Protein backbone atom coordinates (compact mmCIF):
# COMPACT_ATOMS: atom_id res chain seq x y z
CA MET A 1 70.67 246.20 6.21
CA SER A 2 67.55 248.28 5.54
CA GLY A 3 67.61 250.10 2.22
CA LEU A 4 70.87 248.52 1.01
CA ILE A 5 71.01 246.03 -1.84
CA PRO A 6 73.61 243.24 -2.09
CA VAL A 7 76.68 243.68 -4.28
CA ALA A 8 75.65 240.83 -6.62
CA GLU A 9 72.21 242.33 -7.13
CA ALA A 10 73.67 245.77 -7.78
CA LEU A 11 76.01 244.36 -10.43
CA ALA A 12 73.17 242.38 -12.03
CA ARG A 13 71.08 245.54 -12.26
CA VAL A 14 73.94 247.52 -13.80
CA LEU A 15 74.52 244.85 -16.44
CA ALA A 16 70.80 244.47 -17.13
CA SER A 17 70.57 248.20 -17.81
CA VAL A 18 72.88 247.76 -20.80
CA SER A 19 70.14 246.96 -23.30
CA SER A 20 72.51 246.28 -26.21
CA PRO A 21 76.17 246.68 -27.11
CA VAL A 22 77.44 249.77 -28.87
CA GLU A 23 77.70 249.72 -32.65
CA ALA A 24 80.35 247.85 -34.62
CA GLU A 25 83.07 249.33 -36.80
CA THR A 26 85.77 247.81 -38.97
CA VAL A 27 89.38 248.67 -38.16
CA PRO A 28 92.78 247.61 -39.47
CA LEU A 29 94.31 244.73 -37.56
CA ALA A 30 97.12 246.99 -36.33
CA GLN A 31 94.53 249.17 -34.56
CA ALA A 32 92.49 246.34 -33.05
CA ALA A 33 94.51 245.63 -29.90
CA GLY A 34 92.30 245.77 -26.83
CA ARG A 35 89.12 245.99 -28.89
CA THR A 36 86.16 243.62 -28.60
CA LEU A 37 85.10 241.48 -31.53
CA ALA A 38 81.66 242.26 -32.92
CA ALA A 39 81.51 239.17 -35.12
CA ASP A 40 82.99 235.69 -35.23
CA VAL A 41 86.26 235.28 -37.14
CA ALA A 42 86.67 232.27 -39.43
CA ALA A 43 89.90 231.24 -41.11
CA SER A 44 90.14 232.37 -44.72
CA ARG A 45 93.01 229.95 -45.34
CA THR A 46 94.48 226.70 -44.06
CA GLN A 47 97.49 226.77 -41.74
CA PRO A 48 99.95 225.38 -42.55
CA PRO A 49 98.84 225.33 -46.19
CA PHE A 50 101.20 222.42 -46.95
CA PRO A 51 102.96 219.65 -45.01
CA ALA A 52 105.87 221.42 -43.31
CA SER A 53 109.02 220.31 -41.57
CA ALA A 54 109.23 220.87 -37.83
CA MET A 55 113.03 220.46 -37.80
CA ASP A 56 116.17 221.15 -39.81
CA GLY A 57 117.40 218.03 -41.60
CA TYR A 58 116.57 216.02 -44.69
CA ALA A 59 113.26 215.09 -46.29
CA VAL A 60 113.41 211.37 -47.04
CA ARG A 61 111.33 208.30 -47.78
CA PHE A 62 110.76 206.25 -44.65
CA ALA A 63 111.28 202.95 -46.42
CA GLU A 64 114.81 203.96 -47.44
CA ALA A 65 115.91 205.82 -44.28
CA SER A 66 114.79 203.40 -41.59
CA ALA A 67 118.09 201.55 -41.50
CA ILE A 68 121.39 202.80 -40.10
CA GLY A 69 124.00 203.33 -42.82
CA ALA A 70 121.59 203.92 -45.67
CA SER A 71 123.03 206.35 -48.22
CA LEU A 72 120.84 208.83 -50.11
CA LYS A 73 121.53 211.27 -52.93
CA LEU A 74 120.86 214.96 -52.26
CA ILE A 75 118.84 216.46 -55.11
CA GLY A 76 117.93 219.92 -53.78
CA THR A 77 116.93 222.17 -50.90
CA SER A 78 113.59 223.20 -49.38
CA ALA A 79 113.65 226.37 -47.28
CA ALA A 80 110.88 228.54 -45.85
CA GLY A 81 109.60 230.64 -48.74
CA HIS A 82 111.72 228.68 -51.19
CA GLY A 83 110.24 225.22 -51.41
CA PHE A 84 111.55 222.35 -53.51
CA SER A 85 109.09 221.95 -56.37
CA GLY A 86 110.17 218.50 -57.50
CA ARG A 87 109.42 215.03 -56.20
CA ILE A 88 111.69 212.76 -54.17
CA GLY A 89 112.29 209.46 -55.88
CA SER A 90 113.92 206.22 -54.87
CA GLY A 91 117.28 206.71 -53.10
CA GLU A 92 116.91 210.50 -52.94
CA ALA A 93 116.75 213.16 -50.21
CA VAL A 94 116.23 216.91 -50.04
CA ARG A 95 117.92 219.24 -47.55
CA ILE A 96 115.09 220.87 -45.56
CA PHE A 97 114.74 223.59 -42.95
CA THR A 98 112.17 224.29 -40.26
CA GLY A 99 108.88 225.55 -41.71
CA ALA A 100 109.73 224.58 -45.27
CA PRO A 101 107.35 222.53 -47.45
CA VAL A 102 107.96 218.78 -47.38
CA PRO A 103 108.51 217.68 -51.00
CA GLU A 104 106.19 215.21 -52.64
CA GLY A 105 107.30 211.63 -52.10
CA ALA A 106 108.82 212.28 -48.67
CA ASP A 107 107.17 210.86 -45.56
CA ALA A 108 109.86 211.38 -42.90
CA ILE A 109 112.41 213.91 -41.72
CA LEU A 110 115.94 212.76 -40.99
CA ILE A 111 117.02 215.43 -38.50
CA GLN A 112 120.49 216.79 -39.06
CA GLU A 113 121.74 215.43 -35.72
CA ASP A 114 120.99 211.91 -37.01
CA ALA A 115 122.59 212.41 -40.42
CA GLN A 116 126.06 212.68 -41.90
CA ALA A 117 126.41 214.71 -45.08
CA GLU A 118 129.29 214.02 -47.47
CA GLY A 119 129.19 216.16 -50.60
CA GLU A 120 126.06 215.23 -52.58
CA THR A 121 125.30 212.27 -50.31
CA VAL A 122 123.72 211.98 -46.89
CA ARG A 123 124.10 208.90 -44.70
CA VAL A 124 121.59 207.76 -42.05
CA VAL A 125 123.18 207.66 -38.57
CA GLU A 126 119.93 207.02 -36.69
CA PRO A 127 116.82 205.57 -38.34
CA VAL A 128 113.79 207.80 -38.97
CA GLU A 129 110.19 207.37 -37.86
CA GLN A 130 107.47 207.69 -40.46
CA ASN A 131 105.76 211.13 -40.49
CA ARG A 132 107.71 212.28 -37.44
CA PHE A 133 108.67 215.97 -37.53
CA ILE A 134 106.17 216.62 -40.33
CA ARG A 135 103.39 219.09 -39.60
CA ARG A 136 100.44 218.03 -41.71
CA ALA A 137 98.54 220.62 -43.76
CA GLY A 138 95.82 222.16 -41.60
CA LEU A 139 97.45 221.08 -38.33
CA ASP A 140 96.73 224.53 -36.83
CA PHE A 141 93.44 225.36 -38.55
CA THR A 142 91.56 224.89 -41.81
CA ALA A 143 89.78 227.36 -44.09
CA GLY A 144 86.27 228.11 -42.83
CA GLU A 145 86.97 227.06 -39.24
CA THR A 146 85.71 229.52 -36.60
CA LEU A 147 88.74 230.66 -34.61
CA LEU A 148 87.51 233.65 -32.58
CA VAL A 149 84.00 234.46 -31.38
CA ALA A 150 82.18 237.74 -30.89
CA GLY A 151 82.74 239.23 -27.44
CA MET A 152 86.39 238.23 -27.19
CA THR A 153 88.91 240.92 -26.31
CA LEU A 154 91.68 241.11 -28.88
CA ASP A 155 95.04 240.65 -27.19
CA ALA A 156 98.41 239.74 -28.70
CA ARG A 157 97.67 236.02 -29.15
CA ARG A 158 94.25 236.59 -30.75
CA LEU A 159 95.58 239.30 -33.06
CA ALA A 160 98.32 236.90 -34.18
CA LEU A 161 95.70 234.24 -34.88
CA ALA A 162 93.54 236.63 -36.89
CA ALA A 163 96.55 237.71 -38.93
CA ALA A 164 97.62 234.12 -39.61
CA ALA A 165 94.05 233.34 -40.64
CA GLY A 166 94.27 235.99 -43.36
CA HIS A 167 92.33 238.93 -41.90
CA PRO A 168 93.80 242.43 -42.42
CA ARG A 169 90.71 244.09 -40.85
CA LEU A 170 88.25 243.07 -38.13
CA SER A 171 84.75 244.04 -37.07
CA VAL A 172 84.92 245.33 -33.50
CA ARG A 173 82.70 247.27 -31.14
CA ARG A 174 83.47 250.96 -31.11
CA ARG A 175 84.93 252.23 -27.88
CA PRO A 176 82.13 253.18 -25.47
CA ARG A 177 82.17 256.91 -24.74
CA VAL A 178 82.53 257.37 -20.98
CA ALA A 179 82.10 260.85 -19.54
CA ILE A 180 83.70 261.44 -16.12
CA LEU A 181 82.60 264.29 -13.88
CA ALA A 182 84.18 265.12 -10.53
CA THR A 183 82.04 267.25 -8.22
CA GLY A 184 82.71 269.33 -5.16
CA ASP A 185 83.81 272.83 -4.14
CA GLU A 186 86.68 271.25 -2.24
CA LEU A 187 88.44 269.91 -5.36
CA VAL A 188 91.19 271.42 -7.50
CA GLU A 189 92.92 269.96 -10.53
CA PRO A 190 96.32 268.26 -10.08
CA GLY A 191 99.01 270.91 -10.31
CA ALA A 192 96.83 273.68 -8.89
CA GLU A 193 97.49 275.02 -5.42
CA PRO A 194 94.59 274.08 -3.13
CA ALA A 195 93.30 276.46 -0.51
CA TRP A 196 93.55 275.44 3.12
CA ASP A 197 90.13 273.74 2.94
CA GLN A 198 90.57 272.06 -0.44
CA ILE A 199 92.18 268.86 -1.78
CA VAL A 200 93.59 267.72 -5.12
CA ALA A 201 91.16 265.72 -7.25
CA SER A 202 92.43 262.19 -7.85
CA ASN A 203 89.31 260.12 -8.57
CA SER A 204 88.88 261.34 -12.15
CA LEU A 205 92.35 260.14 -13.14
CA ALA A 206 91.84 256.78 -11.48
CA LEU A 207 88.46 256.16 -13.10
CA ALA A 208 89.74 257.33 -16.48
CA ALA A 209 92.57 254.80 -16.22
CA LEU A 210 90.17 252.00 -15.27
CA ALA A 211 87.72 252.90 -18.02
CA SER A 212 90.40 253.29 -20.67
CA ASP A 213 91.93 249.95 -19.71
CA ALA A 214 88.47 248.40 -20.09
CA GLY A 215 88.25 249.73 -23.65
CA ALA A 216 86.49 253.08 -23.27
CA GLU A 217 86.99 256.45 -24.93
CA ILE A 218 87.23 259.04 -22.15
CA ILE A 219 85.35 262.35 -22.09
CA ASP A 220 86.76 264.48 -19.28
CA LEU A 221 84.08 266.83 -17.96
CA GLY A 222 86.40 268.33 -15.37
CA ILE A 223 85.24 269.44 -11.92
CA ALA A 224 81.78 270.83 -11.27
CA ALA A 225 81.11 273.03 -8.27
CA ASP A 226 78.37 272.21 -5.78
CA ASP A 227 75.88 274.19 -7.81
CA HIS A 228 72.87 273.05 -9.81
CA GLY A 229 73.82 275.24 -12.76
CA ALA A 230 77.35 273.83 -12.97
CA LEU A 231 76.04 270.28 -12.74
CA GLU A 232 73.38 270.84 -15.39
CA ASP A 233 76.00 272.30 -17.72
CA ALA A 234 78.17 269.21 -17.24
CA PHE A 235 75.23 266.87 -17.94
CA ARG A 236 74.49 268.84 -21.12
CA ARG A 237 78.09 268.46 -22.28
CA ALA A 238 77.93 264.70 -21.64
CA ARG A 239 74.80 264.46 -23.77
CA GLU A 240 76.29 266.58 -26.54
CA ALA A 241 79.31 264.27 -26.59
CA ARG A 242 76.88 261.34 -26.94
CA ALA A 243 78.31 259.61 -23.89
CA ASP A 244 77.18 256.02 -23.40
CA LEU A 245 78.03 256.16 -19.70
CA LEU A 246 78.25 259.09 -17.32
CA ILE A 247 80.33 258.58 -14.19
CA THR A 248 79.87 261.13 -11.43
CA LEU A 249 82.31 261.29 -8.56
CA GLY A 250 81.03 262.51 -5.21
CA GLY A 251 77.86 264.31 -4.22
CA ALA A 252 75.60 261.30 -4.70
CA SER A 253 74.46 261.12 -1.08
CA VAL A 254 71.72 263.29 0.45
CA GLY A 255 73.64 265.81 2.54
CA ASP A 256 73.13 269.56 2.21
CA HIS A 257 76.04 269.77 -0.24
CA ASP A 258 75.37 266.51 -2.07
CA LEU A 259 73.53 267.82 -5.12
CA VAL A 260 74.32 265.28 -7.85
CA GLN A 261 71.37 262.97 -7.35
CA ALA A 262 68.93 265.87 -7.06
CA ALA A 263 70.39 267.58 -10.13
CA LEU A 264 70.13 264.37 -12.15
CA ALA A 265 66.54 263.91 -11.00
CA ARG A 266 65.72 267.38 -12.30
CA GLU A 267 67.16 266.30 -15.66
CA GLY A 268 64.93 263.22 -15.76
CA LEU A 269 67.09 260.50 -14.20
CA GLU A 270 65.44 257.10 -13.98
CA LEU A 271 66.97 255.92 -10.70
CA GLY A 272 67.85 252.25 -10.70
CA PHE A 273 69.18 251.99 -7.16
CA TRP A 274 71.03 253.97 -4.57
CA ARG A 275 73.10 252.54 -1.70
CA VAL A 276 74.73 249.12 -1.73
CA ALA A 277 75.63 246.80 1.15
CA LEU A 278 79.29 247.39 0.45
CA ARG A 279 82.36 248.68 2.27
CA PRO A 280 83.87 250.85 0.91
CA GLY A 281 81.27 252.29 -1.45
CA LYS A 282 77.83 252.28 0.19
CA PRO A 283 76.53 255.51 -1.47
CA LEU A 284 76.62 254.09 -5.01
CA MET A 285 73.99 255.36 -7.45
CA HIS A 286 72.82 253.84 -10.71
CA GLY A 287 70.26 254.87 -13.29
CA ARG A 288 69.64 256.12 -16.81
CA LEU A 289 69.39 259.62 -18.24
CA GLY A 290 67.71 259.03 -21.56
CA ASP A 291 70.02 256.76 -23.56
CA MET A 292 72.93 257.41 -21.21
CA LEU A 293 73.77 255.00 -18.41
CA VAL A 294 74.67 256.77 -15.16
CA ILE A 295 76.82 255.45 -12.31
CA GLY A 296 77.36 257.79 -9.39
CA LEU A 297 80.40 256.85 -7.34
CA PRO A 298 81.26 257.93 -3.80
CA GLY A 299 83.65 260.82 -3.32
CA ASN A 300 86.11 259.01 -1.08
CA PRO A 301 88.93 257.94 -3.41
CA VAL A 302 89.26 254.34 -2.27
CA SER A 303 85.49 253.89 -2.45
CA SER A 304 85.36 255.26 -5.99
CA ILE A 305 88.18 253.02 -7.19
CA VAL A 306 86.75 249.88 -5.57
CA CYS A 307 83.32 250.64 -7.03
CA GLY A 308 84.98 251.33 -10.37
CA LEU A 309 86.50 247.86 -10.33
CA LEU A 310 83.28 246.18 -9.23
CA PHE A 311 80.71 248.04 -11.34
CA VAL A 312 82.18 250.45 -13.91
CA VAL A 313 84.57 248.01 -15.57
CA PRO A 314 81.85 245.33 -16.01
CA ALA A 315 79.46 247.97 -17.39
CA ILE A 316 81.99 249.06 -20.00
CA ARG A 317 82.67 245.46 -20.94
CA ALA A 318 78.92 244.86 -21.29
CA LEU A 319 78.63 247.89 -23.57
CA GLN A 320 81.17 246.16 -25.81
CA GLY A 321 79.20 242.92 -25.92
CA ASP A 322 81.52 240.90 -23.67
CA PRO A 323 79.50 237.85 -22.50
CA GLN A 324 81.87 237.54 -19.53
CA ALA A 325 81.37 241.13 -18.39
CA GLY A 326 79.98 240.07 -15.04
CA ALA A 327 82.22 237.07 -14.47
CA ASP A 328 83.64 236.50 -10.99
CA ARG A 329 87.21 237.82 -11.01
CA SER A 330 88.09 236.55 -7.55
CA GLU A 331 90.41 233.67 -6.69
CA PRO A 332 91.10 231.55 -3.62
CA ALA A 333 93.68 232.56 -1.03
CA THR A 334 94.57 231.97 2.61
CA LEU A 335 93.95 234.49 5.35
CA GLY A 336 97.11 235.99 6.82
CA ARG A 337 95.74 237.18 10.17
CA ASP A 338 92.73 236.82 12.45
CA LEU A 339 89.64 238.90 11.62
CA PRO A 340 86.51 239.63 13.66
CA ALA A 341 83.01 238.83 12.45
CA ASN A 342 81.73 241.05 9.66
CA ASP A 343 78.56 243.14 9.76
CA GLY A 344 75.81 243.31 7.11
CA ARG A 345 77.97 244.82 4.35
CA ALA A 346 80.33 242.98 2.00
CA ASP A 347 83.84 244.16 2.82
CA TYR A 348 86.60 244.62 0.24
CA MET A 349 89.67 245.03 2.42
CA ARG A 350 92.98 246.24 1.08
CA ALA A 351 95.56 243.49 1.58
CA SER A 352 99.15 242.50 0.89
CA LEU A 353 100.04 239.09 -0.56
CA ALA A 354 102.74 236.59 0.34
CA ILE A 355 103.44 234.27 -2.58
CA GLU A 356 105.14 230.90 -2.28
CA PRO A 357 105.47 228.37 -5.13
CA GLY A 358 102.87 225.63 -5.02
CA ARG A 359 100.73 227.33 -2.37
CA LEU A 360 97.76 229.67 -2.38
CA PRO A 361 98.66 233.32 -1.81
CA VAL A 362 98.43 234.48 1.79
CA ALA A 363 96.35 237.67 2.05
CA SER A 364 97.02 239.93 5.02
CA PRO A 365 94.60 242.88 5.27
CA GLU A 366 95.99 246.26 6.24
CA GLN A 367 95.24 247.34 9.79
CA ARG A 368 93.83 250.68 8.62
CA GLN A 369 91.01 250.42 6.08
CA ASP A 370 89.69 254.00 5.93
CA SER A 371 88.17 254.74 2.51
CA SER A 372 90.09 258.03 2.22
CA MET A 373 93.54 256.41 2.44
CA LEU A 374 95.07 256.15 -1.02
CA ALA A 375 98.50 255.26 0.38
CA VAL A 376 97.05 252.04 1.80
CA LEU A 377 95.41 251.21 -1.54
CA GLY A 378 98.59 252.14 -3.41
CA ARG A 379 100.67 249.52 -1.62
CA ALA A 380 97.92 246.89 -1.50
CA GLU A 381 98.15 243.97 -3.89
CA ALA A 382 94.62 242.63 -3.56
CA LEU A 383 91.14 243.21 -2.23
CA LEU A 384 90.23 240.63 0.40
CA ILE A 385 86.51 239.85 0.14
CA ARG A 386 84.44 239.25 3.26
CA ALA A 387 80.79 238.34 2.83
CA PRO A 388 78.06 240.05 4.85
CA HIS A 389 77.69 238.53 8.34
CA GLU A 390 80.78 236.37 7.81
CA PRO A 391 81.85 234.92 11.18
CA ALA A 392 85.19 235.59 12.81
CA ALA A 393 88.08 234.01 10.91
CA LYS A 394 91.53 232.77 11.89
CA ALA A 395 94.86 233.08 10.11
CA GLY A 396 95.12 230.13 7.73
CA ASP A 397 91.40 230.04 6.95
CA PRO A 398 90.38 230.07 3.27
CA CYS A 399 89.32 233.38 1.74
CA ARG A 400 88.86 234.98 -1.67
CA ILE A 401 90.70 237.91 -3.20
CA ILE A 402 90.70 240.12 -6.28
CA ARG A 403 94.25 240.87 -7.36
CA LEU A 404 94.95 244.51 -8.10
CA ASP A 405 97.96 243.80 -10.30
CA ARG A 406 95.93 241.99 -12.96
CA ARG A 407 93.66 243.40 -15.64
CA LEU A 408 90.04 242.69 -14.85
CA LEU A 409 89.04 241.88 -18.46
């Protein structure tokens, strides 16, 4: 379609406009959840640092515990944090618990289910296998081994790994500062009573949630009236707050009351693109205002949220140095009902999912897809993607979806 750029090209331009990630800072491990690593993390220790038992039982010598009925003398106990410091000799065994160091001289674990203890003696009920149930030193990782790489998002499993590797603090990217500005005389804040020709602003909250979930620090610029002075004041506040990204909501088109693009131009906006071959979300604007990245989203709430998922979240991830910021988040599914041929815009249709074990999800798009309808989006479970000029499709045909109940990180 004339004047519209494809979704993939728009995303590529947004990501390319992020010249470098934001600066790094060092934070305690307990404050690093959700942050993005700024540097690789290598193990400062070996895990486990000693051969350890994987089961409760008895540390024994294989040569003496490989026959049923063998009798061994108990000479001590090895528990986690309280290892046996001696050495197992001929005819001896040590009571051992899961995670405890395996004493020197032992090369097998006689699990307690295969043993019979009688006072200071233990008898072999089932023969052992050499080295079975012994975790060798360094089984998990060794000192100096790179465990995590820059650009990874720190979730529970990666934080646990960093802690086990001996790191109380980590170098992470600071949270990108994202300023959010809603525009329009028709908007009032949630909780205020709108006039008969006004509505309650919802886009700011939605975009703040998306941006925060992606790792951003939110700067709420409130609602600006359709007035050049109000808009210029908001832009000034974004600059004073040293925002890395300014998100405007509404007013990015070229109608008589759509002043955002013109006001930004007066401030020196370097326009990257405007208008994308996308439904919902055609009037999407992108550019730079000095050092600040600017993304102007449509005013319709569904359009702003869909564009937030497709463009804002990847931009925030790119600002944090995530090499997968622009990765395809879609997955295969099966179409739940017939659809007509698509026009020249990529369509992201709100859809419900039917899930059955062992089968692809079945995506059924809602009958009503108006970009103002938050109730439809609220009950949708996925966005069903239809490519530009895609031919008519039948129920059961393959399709691709983006799930809305999963984090897009």
